[in-house]
Amino acid sequence: QVQLVESGGGLVQPGGSLRLSCAASGGIFSIYAMGWYRQAPGKQRELVASITAGGSTNYVDSVKGRFTISRDNAKNTVYLQMNSLEPEDTAVYYCNARRVRGATRYDYWGVGTQVTVSS
């Protein structure tokens, strides 16, 4: 069982930056694909960025060029560097760990951290 704890959210002005962290415990961190999702009020949860165990990354179009996902396997931590933040980025951000073993997919979630972009 993997436990995930997010941190780094908060209130920031448009154009500002935040770095989210997600600390993992209880599993072999390096074998999991990691992702950051977000959910704004009244909207579905969406995948913002992901990084595979091998380090390949993927981003939703709306954050390309502004957000960067990275992982430090020695620290069992995944990061989301968010630059040039916009009000539309306001949401609860969730960390996800995923592993596929045969026909079974294992998903673990953090409780989320609030990001609010407002002047």
N, C-alpha and C. Protein backbone atom coordinates (compact mmCIF):
# COMPACT_ATOMS: atom_id res chain seq x y z
N GLN A 1 0.84 -1.19 0.00
CA GLN A 1 0.00 0.00 0.00
C GLN A 1 0.88 1.24 0.00
N VAL A 2 0.61 2.13 -0.94
CA VAL A 2 1.39 3.35 -1.08
C VAL A 2 0.63 4.51 -0.47
N GLN A 3 1.31 5.30 0.35
CA GLN A 3 0.71 6.51 0.89
C GLN A 3 1.37 7.72 0.21
N LEU A 4 0.53 8.69 -0.14
CA LEU A 4 1.00 9.88 -0.83
C LEU A 4 0.57 11.12 -0.05
N VAL A 5 1.50 12.05 0.13
CA VAL A 5 1.21 13.29 0.84
C VAL A 5 1.68 14.46 0.00
N GLU A 6 0.72 15.29 -0.41
CA GLU A 6 1.05 16.48 -1.20
C GLU A 6 1.33 17.67 -0.31
N SER A 7 2.12 18.59 -0.83
CA SER A 7 2.38 19.85 -0.14
C SER A 7 2.76 20.90 -1.19
N GLY A 8 2.73 22.17 -0.76
CA GLY A 8 3.19 23.25 -1.63
C GLY A 8 2.11 24.09 -2.25
N GLY A 9 0.86 23.75 -2.01
CA GLY A 9 -0.22 24.56 -2.55
C GLY A 9 -0.35 25.88 -1.81
N GLY A 10 -1.21 26.74 -2.34
CA GLY A 10 -1.43 28.02 -1.69
C GLY A 10 -2.06 29.03 -2.62
N LEU A 11 -2.02 30.28 -2.18
CA LEU A 11 -2.57 31.40 -2.95
C LEU A 11 -1.43 32.13 -3.65
N VAL A 12 -1.58 32.35 -4.94
CA VAL A 12 -0.55 33.04 -5.71
C VAL A 12 -1.22 33.96 -6.72
N GLN A 13 -0.54 35.04 -7.04
CA GLN A 13 -1.09 35.98 -8.03
C GLN A 13 -0.88 35.45 -9.44
N PRO A 14 -1.70 35.88 -10.37
CA PRO A 14 -1.48 35.50 -11.78
C PRO A 14 -0.07 35.85 -12.22
N GLY A 15 0.54 34.93 -12.95
CA GLY A 15 1.92 35.10 -13.38
C GLY A 15 2.93 34.55 -12.41
N GLY A 16 2.48 34.17 -11.22
CA GLY A 16 3.38 33.66 -10.20
C GLY A 16 3.71 32.19 -10.38
N SER A 17 4.46 31.65 -9.42
CA SER A 17 4.92 30.26 -9.48
C SER A 17 4.67 29.56 -8.16
N LEU A 18 4.49 28.25 -8.26
CA LEU A 18 4.42 27.37 -7.10
C LEU A 18 5.10 26.06 -7.47
N ARG A 19 5.62 25.39 -6.45
CA ARG A 19 6.13 24.03 -6.66
C ARG A 19 5.41 23.09 -5.71
N LEU A 20 4.72 22.13 -6.30
CA LEU A 20 4.05 21.10 -5.51
C LEU A 20 4.99 19.92 -5.32
N SER A 21 4.90 19.30 -4.16
CA SER A 21 5.66 18.10 -3.86
C SER A 21 4.70 16.99 -3.44
N CYS A 22 5.08 15.77 -3.74
CA CYS A 22 4.30 14.61 -3.32
C CYS A 22 5.28 13.56 -2.79
N ALA A 23 5.22 13.32 -1.50
CA ALA A 23 6.10 12.35 -0.86
C ALA A 23 5.39 11.01 -0.75
N ALA A 24 6.06 9.97 -1.19
CA ALA A 24 5.48 8.62 -1.20
C ALA A 24 6.15 7.75 -0.15
N SER A 25 5.37 6.83 0.39
CA SER A 25 5.90 5.85 1.33
C SER A 25 5.10 4.56 1.20
N GLY A 26 5.70 3.48 1.65
CA GLY A 26 4.99 2.22 1.69
C GLY A 26 5.13 1.35 0.46
N GLY A 27 5.90 1.79 -0.50
CA GLY A 27 6.08 0.99 -1.71
C GLY A 27 7.42 1.27 -2.34
N ILE A 28 7.69 0.60 -3.44
CA ILE A 28 8.93 0.84 -4.18
C ILE A 28 8.65 1.95 -5.17
N PHE A 29 8.98 3.17 -4.77
CA PHE A 29 8.59 4.37 -5.51
C PHE A 29 9.04 4.31 -6.96
N SER A 30 10.24 3.81 -7.19
CA SER A 30 10.82 3.92 -8.53
C SER A 30 10.08 3.13 -9.60
N ILE A 31 9.24 2.17 -9.21
CA ILE A 31 8.55 1.36 -10.21
C ILE A 31 7.20 1.94 -10.61
N TYR A 32 6.77 2.99 -9.93
CA TYR A 32 5.45 3.56 -10.19
C TYR A 32 5.53 4.70 -11.20
N ALA A 33 4.55 4.74 -12.08
CA ALA A 33 4.31 5.95 -12.85
C ALA A 33 3.60 6.93 -11.93
N MET A 34 3.99 8.19 -12.00
CA MET A 34 3.43 9.21 -11.12
C MET A 34 2.72 10.27 -11.95
N GLY A 35 1.68 10.82 -11.37
CA GLY A 35 0.93 11.85 -12.09
C GLY A 35 0.37 12.90 -11.15
N TRP A 36 0.14 14.06 -11.71
CA TRP A 36 -0.58 15.13 -11.03
C TRP A 36 -1.90 15.36 -11.76
N TYR A 37 -2.97 15.31 -11.01
CA TYR A 37 -4.30 15.60 -11.53
C TYR A 37 -4.81 16.86 -10.82
N ARG A 38 -5.84 17.45 -11.40
CA ARG A 38 -6.48 18.57 -10.73
C ARG A 38 -7.98 18.53 -10.96
N GLN A 39 -8.69 19.11 -10.02
CA GLN A 39 -10.14 19.19 -10.13
C GLN A 39 -10.60 20.56 -9.65
N ALA A 40 -11.20 21.30 -10.58
CA ALA A 40 -11.77 22.60 -10.25
C ALA A 40 -13.24 22.42 -9.89
N PRO A 41 -13.81 23.36 -9.15
CA PRO A 41 -15.22 23.24 -8.76
C PRO A 41 -16.12 23.06 -9.98
N GLY A 42 -16.98 22.06 -9.92
CA GLY A 42 -17.92 21.83 -11.00
C GLY A 42 -17.34 21.16 -12.23
N LYS A 43 -16.07 20.77 -12.16
CA LYS A 43 -15.43 20.14 -13.31
C LYS A 43 -14.92 18.75 -12.94
N GLN A 44 -14.68 17.96 -13.98
CA GLN A 44 -14.13 16.63 -13.75
C GLN A 44 -12.63 16.71 -13.45
N ARG A 45 -12.16 15.72 -12.76
CA ARG A 45 -10.73 15.63 -12.50
C ARG A 45 -10.01 15.37 -13.82
N GLU A 46 -8.91 16.10 -14.04
CA GLU A 46 -8.15 15.92 -15.28
C GLU A 46 -6.68 15.67 -14.97
N LEU A 47 -6.05 14.91 -15.86
CA LEU A 47 -4.62 14.67 -15.75
C LEU A 47 -3.88 15.91 -16.24
N VAL A 48 -2.99 16.43 -15.39
CA VAL A 48 -2.22 17.61 -15.72
C VAL A 48 -0.86 17.22 -16.30
N ALA A 49 -0.18 16.30 -15.62
CA ALA A 49 1.15 15.88 -16.04
C ALA A 49 1.44 14.50 -15.47
N SER A 50 2.25 13.75 -16.18
CA SER A 50 2.62 12.42 -15.71
C SER A 50 4.08 12.15 -16.05
N ILE A 51 4.66 11.23 -15.30
CA ILE A 51 6.04 10.83 -15.55
C ILE A 51 6.13 9.33 -15.29
N THR A 52 6.70 8.61 -16.25
CA THR A 52 6.81 7.16 -16.12
C THR A 52 7.97 6.79 -15.20
N ALA A 53 8.05 5.51 -14.89
CA ALA A 53 9.18 5.03 -14.10
C ALA A 53 10.50 5.31 -14.80
N GLY A 54 10.47 5.34 -16.11
CA GLY A 54 11.68 5.60 -16.88
C GLY A 54 11.98 7.06 -17.10
N GLY A 55 11.05 7.95 -16.67
CA GLY A 55 11.31 9.37 -16.76
C GLY A 55 10.65 10.09 -17.92
N SER A 56 9.87 9.39 -18.74
CA SER A 56 9.16 10.05 -19.83
C SER A 56 8.00 10.86 -19.27
N THR A 57 7.80 12.04 -19.84
CA THR A 57 6.78 12.95 -19.32
C THR A 57 5.69 13.23 -20.35
N ASN A 58 4.55 13.65 -19.83
CA ASN A 58 3.42 13.99 -20.67
C ASN A 58 2.63 15.09 -19.97
N TYR A 59 2.09 16.03 -20.78
CA TYR A 59 1.37 17.17 -20.21
C TYR A 59 0.07 17.41 -20.97
N VAL A 60 -0.92 17.91 -20.28
CA VAL A 60 -2.11 18.39 -20.94
C VAL A 60 -1.74 19.68 -21.69
N ASP A 61 -2.38 19.92 -22.80
CA ASP A 61 -1.99 21.03 -23.67
C ASP A 61 -2.00 22.38 -22.94
N SER A 62 -2.94 22.56 -22.02
CA SER A 62 -3.11 23.87 -21.39
C SER A 62 -1.95 24.26 -20.48
N VAL A 63 -1.09 23.30 -20.11
CA VAL A 63 0.02 23.62 -19.20
C VAL A 63 1.38 23.44 -19.88
N LYS A 64 1.40 23.00 -21.12
CA LYS A 64 2.69 22.81 -21.80
C LYS A 64 3.46 24.11 -21.87
N GLY A 65 4.72 24.04 -21.53
CA GLY A 65 5.57 25.22 -21.53
C GLY A 65 5.52 26.01 -20.24
N ARG A 66 4.58 25.67 -19.35
CA ARG A 66 4.46 26.38 -18.07
C ARG A 66 4.74 25.47 -16.87
N PHE A 67 4.34 24.21 -16.96
CA PHE A 67 4.50 23.27 -15.85
C PHE A 67 5.58 22.25 -16.21
N THR A 68 6.28 21.79 -15.17
CA THR A 68 7.28 20.74 -15.34
C THR A 68 7.14 19.72 -14.23
N ILE A 69 7.00 18.46 -14.62
CA ILE A 69 6.94 17.38 -13.65
C ILE A 69 8.32 16.71 -13.58
N SER A 70 8.71 16.33 -12.38
CA SER A 70 10.00 15.65 -12.21
C SER A 70 9.89 14.71 -11.01
N ARG A 71 10.84 13.80 -10.91
CA ARG A 71 10.82 12.86 -9.79
C ARG A 71 12.23 12.68 -9.26
N ASP A 72 12.32 12.45 -7.97
CA ASP A 72 13.58 12.14 -7.31
C ASP A 72 13.39 10.80 -6.60
N ASN A 73 13.85 9.74 -7.22
CA ASN A 73 13.63 8.40 -6.66
C ASN A 73 14.37 8.20 -5.35
N ALA A 74 15.46 8.91 -5.15
CA ALA A 74 16.19 8.80 -3.89
C ALA A 74 15.40 9.37 -2.72
N LYS A 75 14.54 10.33 -3.03
CA LYS A 75 13.72 10.97 -1.99
C LYS A 75 12.27 10.50 -2.02
N ASN A 76 11.96 9.58 -2.93
CA ASN A 76 10.58 9.08 -3.06
C ASN A 76 9.58 10.22 -3.24
N THR A 77 9.95 11.17 -4.07
CA THR A 77 9.15 12.39 -4.22
C THR A 77 8.99 12.75 -5.69
N VAL A 78 7.80 13.22 -6.02
CA VAL A 78 7.54 13.77 -7.35
C VAL A 78 7.15 15.23 -7.18
N TYR A 79 7.56 16.04 -8.13
CA TYR A 79 7.34 17.48 -8.07
C TYR A 79 6.54 17.97 -9.27
N LEU A 80 5.86 19.10 -9.06
CA LEU A 80 5.23 19.79 -10.17
C LEU A 80 5.59 21.27 -10.03
N GLN A 81 6.49 21.73 -10.89
CA GLN A 81 6.85 23.14 -10.92
C GLN A 81 5.86 23.85 -11.83
N MET A 82 5.18 24.84 -11.28
CA MET A 82 4.15 25.56 -12.01
C MET A 82 4.56 27.03 -12.14
N ASN A 83 4.76 27.47 -13.36
CA ASN A 83 5.14 28.85 -13.64
C ASN A 83 4.04 29.53 -14.45
N SER A 84 4.09 30.84 -14.50
CA SER A 84 3.12 31.63 -15.28
C SER A 84 1.69 31.19 -14.97
N LEU A 85 1.39 31.08 -13.70
CA LEU A 85 0.08 30.58 -13.30
C LEU A 85 -1.04 31.52 -13.73
N GLU A 86 -2.15 30.92 -14.06
CA GLU A 86 -3.34 31.63 -14.54
C GLU A 86 -4.51 31.30 -13.63
N PRO A 87 -5.50 32.19 -13.57
CA PRO A 87 -6.68 31.88 -12.73
C PRO A 87 -7.31 30.54 -13.08
N GLU A 88 -7.22 30.14 -14.34
CA GLU A 88 -7.80 28.86 -14.77
C GLU A 88 -7.06 27.66 -14.19
N ASP A 89 -5.90 27.87 -13.58
CA ASP A 89 -5.17 26.79 -12.94
C ASP A 89 -5.67 26.53 -11.52
N THR A 90 -6.58 27.35 -11.04
CA THR A 90 -7.13 27.17 -9.70
C THR A 90 -7.87 25.85 -9.61
N ALA A 91 -7.47 25.03 -8.64
CA ALA A 91 -8.05 23.69 -8.48
C ALA A 91 -7.42 23.02 -7.26
N VAL A 92 -7.99 21.90 -6.89
CA VAL A 92 -7.31 20.99 -5.96
C VAL A 92 -6.44 20.06 -6.80
N TYR A 93 -5.16 19.99 -6.44
CA TYR A 93 -4.21 19.16 -7.17
C TYR A 93 -3.95 17.88 -6.38
N TYR A 94 -4.06 16.75 -7.10
CA TYR A 94 -3.90 15.44 -6.49
C TYR A 94 -2.71 14.71 -7.09
N CYS A 95 -1.99 14.02 -6.24
CA CYS A 95 -0.89 13.18 -6.67
C CYS A 95 -1.40 11.76 -6.85
N ASN A 96 -0.91 11.09 -7.88
CA ASN A 96 -1.31 9.73 -8.19
C ASN A 96 -0.09 8.85 -8.43
N ALA A 97 -0.14 7.64 -7.91
CA ALA A 97 0.87 6.63 -8.20
C ALA A 97 0.16 5.46 -8.88
N ARG A 98 0.73 4.99 -9.97
CA ARG A 98 0.06 3.94 -10.73
C ARG A 98 1.07 2.85 -11.11
N ARG A 99 0.57 1.61 -11.02
CA ARG A 99 1.37 0.49 -11.45
C ARG A 99 0.45 -0.50 -12.13
N VAL A 100 0.87 -0.99 -13.26
CA VAL A 100 0.11 -2.02 -13.97
C VAL A 100 0.90 -3.32 -13.89
N ARG A 101 0.23 -4.34 -13.37
CA ARG A 101 0.86 -5.66 -13.24
C ARG A 101 -0.08 -6.67 -13.86
N GLY A 102 0.29 -7.14 -15.02
CA GLY A 102 -0.59 -8.05 -15.74
C GLY A 102 -1.86 -7.33 -16.15
N ALA A 103 -3.01 -7.87 -15.74
CA ALA A 103 -4.30 -7.28 -16.08
C ALA A 103 -4.82 -6.36 -14.97
N THR A 104 -4.00 -6.14 -13.96
CA THR A 104 -4.44 -5.38 -12.80
C THR A 104 -3.73 -4.03 -12.75
N ARG A 105 -4.52 -2.97 -12.54
CA ARG A 105 -3.95 -1.64 -12.39
C ARG A 105 -4.12 -1.20 -10.95
N TYR A 106 -3.04 -0.75 -10.36
CA TYR A 106 -3.06 -0.27 -8.99
C TYR A 106 -2.94 1.25 -9.01
N ASP A 107 -3.90 1.93 -8.38
CA ASP A 107 -3.90 3.39 -8.30
C ASP A 107 -3.94 3.82 -6.85
N TYR A 108 -3.08 4.78 -6.51
CA TYR A 108 -3.07 5.35 -5.18
C TYR A 108 -3.14 6.87 -5.30
N TRP A 109 -3.85 7.48 -4.34
CA TRP A 109 -4.11 8.93 -4.41
C TRP A 109 -3.75 9.61 -3.10
N GLY A 110 -3.28 10.84 -3.22
CA GLY A 110 -3.15 11.71 -2.07
C GLY A 110 -4.48 12.41 -1.80
N VAL A 111 -4.52 13.18 -0.74
CA VAL A 111 -5.76 13.87 -0.37
C VAL A 111 -5.91 15.21 -1.06
N GLY A 112 -4.86 15.65 -1.74
CA GLY A 112 -4.96 16.89 -2.51
C GLY A 112 -4.43 18.11 -1.79
N THR A 113 -4.04 19.09 -2.60
CA THR A 113 -3.60 20.38 -2.08
C THR A 113 -4.22 21.48 -2.93
N GLN A 114 -4.72 22.51 -2.28
CA GLN A 114 -5.44 23.57 -2.98
C GLN A 114 -4.46 24.56 -3.60
N VAL A 115 -4.67 24.88 -4.85
CA VAL A 115 -3.94 25.94 -5.54
C VAL A 115 -4.96 26.98 -5.98
N THR A 116 -4.76 28.21 -5.55
CA THR A 116 -5.65 29.31 -5.92
C THR A 116 -4.82 30.41 -6.57
N VAL A 117 -5.20 30.77 -7.80
CA VAL A 117 -4.51 31.82 -8.53
C VAL A 117 -5.48 33.00 -8.64
N SER A 118 -5.14 34.05 -7.94
CA SER A 118 -6.05 35.19 -7.88
C SER A 118 -5.28 36.44 -7.48
N SER A 119 -5.75 37.58 -7.99
CA SER A 119 -5.15 38.85 -7.59
C SER A 119 -5.93 39.46 -6.44
